[in-house]
């Protein structure tokens, strides 16, 4: 959680994610599923490239059960060419052998057009 609270998402991915990570987004998101560490790193970079400014971010304490933990993330962000917006999502992670092997994000995707 500390990596993310400090905005160090790339460091979190490098240090905590397994090579075969699967990242899932809700229906209506630009990419539904991303597989593999390199592809997830590229997805994070693509997101960063779309951001003009992050005005604020809040990540909840984790809820842990079995091999899973979850948290909520709120982000006050301005994307390039878009008005400032507030994102709020639930993030669910699965851990095996000390590495995150799956992440899934639950939110209502922005409507385009």
Protein backbone atom coordinates (compact mmCIF):
# COMPACT_ATOMS: atom_id res chain seq x y z
CA UNK A 1 0.00 0.00 0.00
CA UNK A 2 2.85 2.38 0.79
CA UNK A 3 4.21 2.26 -2.76
CA UNK A 4 0.81 3.27 -4.12
CA UNK A 5 0.16 5.90 -1.47
CA UNK A 6 3.43 7.52 -2.52
CA UNK A 7 2.52 7.30 -6.20
CA UNK A 8 5.19 4.67 -6.81
CA UNK A 9 3.06 2.36 -8.95
CA UNK A 10 5.94 1.32 -11.25
CA UNK A 11 8.02 0.30 -8.22
CA UNK A 12 5.11 -1.69 -6.80
CA UNK A 13 4.70 -3.58 -10.09
CA UNK A 14 8.43 -4.32 -10.43
CA UNK A 15 8.81 -5.56 -6.86
CA UNK A 16 5.48 -7.18 -6.02
CA UNK A 17 4.02 -8.60 -9.26
CA UNK A 18 4.67 -12.09 -10.64
CA UNK A 19 5.87 -12.67 -14.20
CA UNK A 20 2.49 -14.13 -15.22
CA UNK A 21 0.34 -11.37 -13.69
CA UNK A 22 -3.16 -10.96 -15.11
CA UNK A 23 -4.73 -7.50 -14.92
CA UNK A 24 -8.48 -7.21 -15.52
CA UNK A 25 -10.61 -4.12 -16.11
CA UNK A 26 -14.42 -3.85 -16.25
CA UNK A 27 -16.48 -4.18 -19.42
CA UNK A 28 -16.28 -0.90 -21.31
CA UNK A 29 -12.68 -0.15 -20.34
CA UNK A 30 -10.24 0.34 -23.25
CA UNK A 31 -8.51 -3.01 -22.50
CA UNK A 32 -10.41 -5.78 -20.70
CA UNK A 33 -7.48 -8.04 -19.79
CA UNK A 34 -3.69 -7.73 -19.86
CA UNK A 35 -1.40 -10.74 -19.30
CA UNK A 36 2.27 -10.82 -18.34
CA UNK A 37 4.51 -8.49 -16.38
CA UNK A 38 5.88 -6.60 -19.40
CA UNK A 39 2.36 -5.98 -20.77
CA UNK A 40 1.12 -4.75 -17.36
CA UNK A 41 4.13 -2.40 -17.10
CA UNK A 42 3.30 -1.07 -20.59
CA UNK A 43 -0.37 -0.60 -19.59
CA UNK A 44 0.73 1.49 -16.60
CA UNK A 45 2.95 3.61 -18.81
CA UNK A 46 0.08 4.10 -21.28
CA UNK A 47 -2.14 5.32 -18.41
CA UNK A 48 0.60 7.73 -17.26
CA UNK A 49 0.94 9.08 -20.80
CA UNK A 50 -2.79 9.98 -20.80
CA UNK A 51 -2.55 11.94 -17.51
CA UNK A 52 -1.99 15.67 -17.52
CA UNK A 53 -2.02 16.03 -13.72
CA UNK A 54 -2.93 14.02 -10.63
CA UNK A 55 -4.39 16.49 -8.12
CA UNK A 56 -4.92 14.01 -5.32
CA UNK A 57 -5.09 10.32 -4.50
CA UNK A 58 -6.40 8.29 -1.59
CA UNK A 59 -5.93 4.54 -1.02
CA UNK A 60 -7.80 2.74 1.75
CA UNK A 61 -6.33 0.28 4.21
CA UNK A 62 -6.41 -3.26 2.80
CA UNK A 63 -8.97 -5.92 3.59
CA UNK A 64 -7.28 -9.34 3.61
CA UNK A 65 -8.86 -12.79 3.28
CA UNK A 66 -7.19 -16.05 2.25
CA UNK A 67 -4.89 -15.27 -0.74
CA UNK A 68 -6.67 -12.01 -1.55
CA UNK A 69 -6.57 -8.40 -0.48
CA UNK A 70 -8.57 -5.43 -1.64
CA UNK A 71 -8.61 -1.68 -1.25
CA UNK A 72 -10.40 1.32 -2.69
CA UNK A 73 -8.61 3.98 -4.67
CA UNK A 74 -9.84 7.52 -5.27
CA UNK A 75 -8.03 9.70 -7.78
CA UNK A 76 -8.64 13.35 -8.64
CA UNK A 77 -7.10 13.56 -12.11
CA UNK A 78 -7.01 15.60 -15.29
CA UNK A 79 -6.46 13.52 -18.41
CA UNK A 80 -4.93 15.22 -21.45
CA UNK A 81 -7.69 16.90 -23.48
CA UNK A 82 -10.38 16.14 -20.91
CA UNK A 83 -11.97 17.91 -17.93
CA UNK A 84 -10.81 17.20 -14.39
CA UNK A 85 -12.53 14.10 -13.02
CA UNK A 86 -12.76 11.95 -9.89
CA UNK A 87 -12.19 8.23 -10.28
CA UNK A 88 -13.22 5.79 -7.54
CA UNK A 89 -12.60 2.07 -7.82
CA UNK A 90 -12.28 -1.16 -5.89
CA UNK A 91 -9.00 -3.00 -6.46
CA UNK A 92 -8.78 -6.76 -5.76
CA UNK A 93 -5.46 -8.63 -5.76
CA UNK A 94 -4.58 -12.35 -5.57
CA UNK A 95 -1.23 -13.38 -4.04
CA UNK A 96 0.64 -16.65 -4.59
CA UNK A 97 4.19 -17.42 -3.42
CA UNK A 98 4.62 -13.85 -2.18
CA UNK A 99 3.81 -12.21 -5.54
CA UNK A 100 0.66 -10.60 -6.89
CA UNK A 101 -0.60 -12.88 -9.68
CA UNK A 102 -3.92 -11.19 -10.49
CA UNK A 103 -5.36 -7.72 -10.12
CA UNK A 104 -8.89 -6.71 -10.97
CA UNK A 105 -10.37 -3.25 -10.92
CA UNK A 106 -14.06 -2.49 -10.46
CA UNK A 107 -15.36 0.91 -11.56
CA UNK A 108 -17.76 2.49 -14.05
CA UNK A 109 -15.77 3.32 -17.18
CA UNK A 110 -16.00 6.85 -18.56
CA UNK A 111 -18.28 7.24 -21.55
CA UNK A 112 -16.57 8.55 -24.66
CA UNK A 113 -18.17 10.79 -27.27
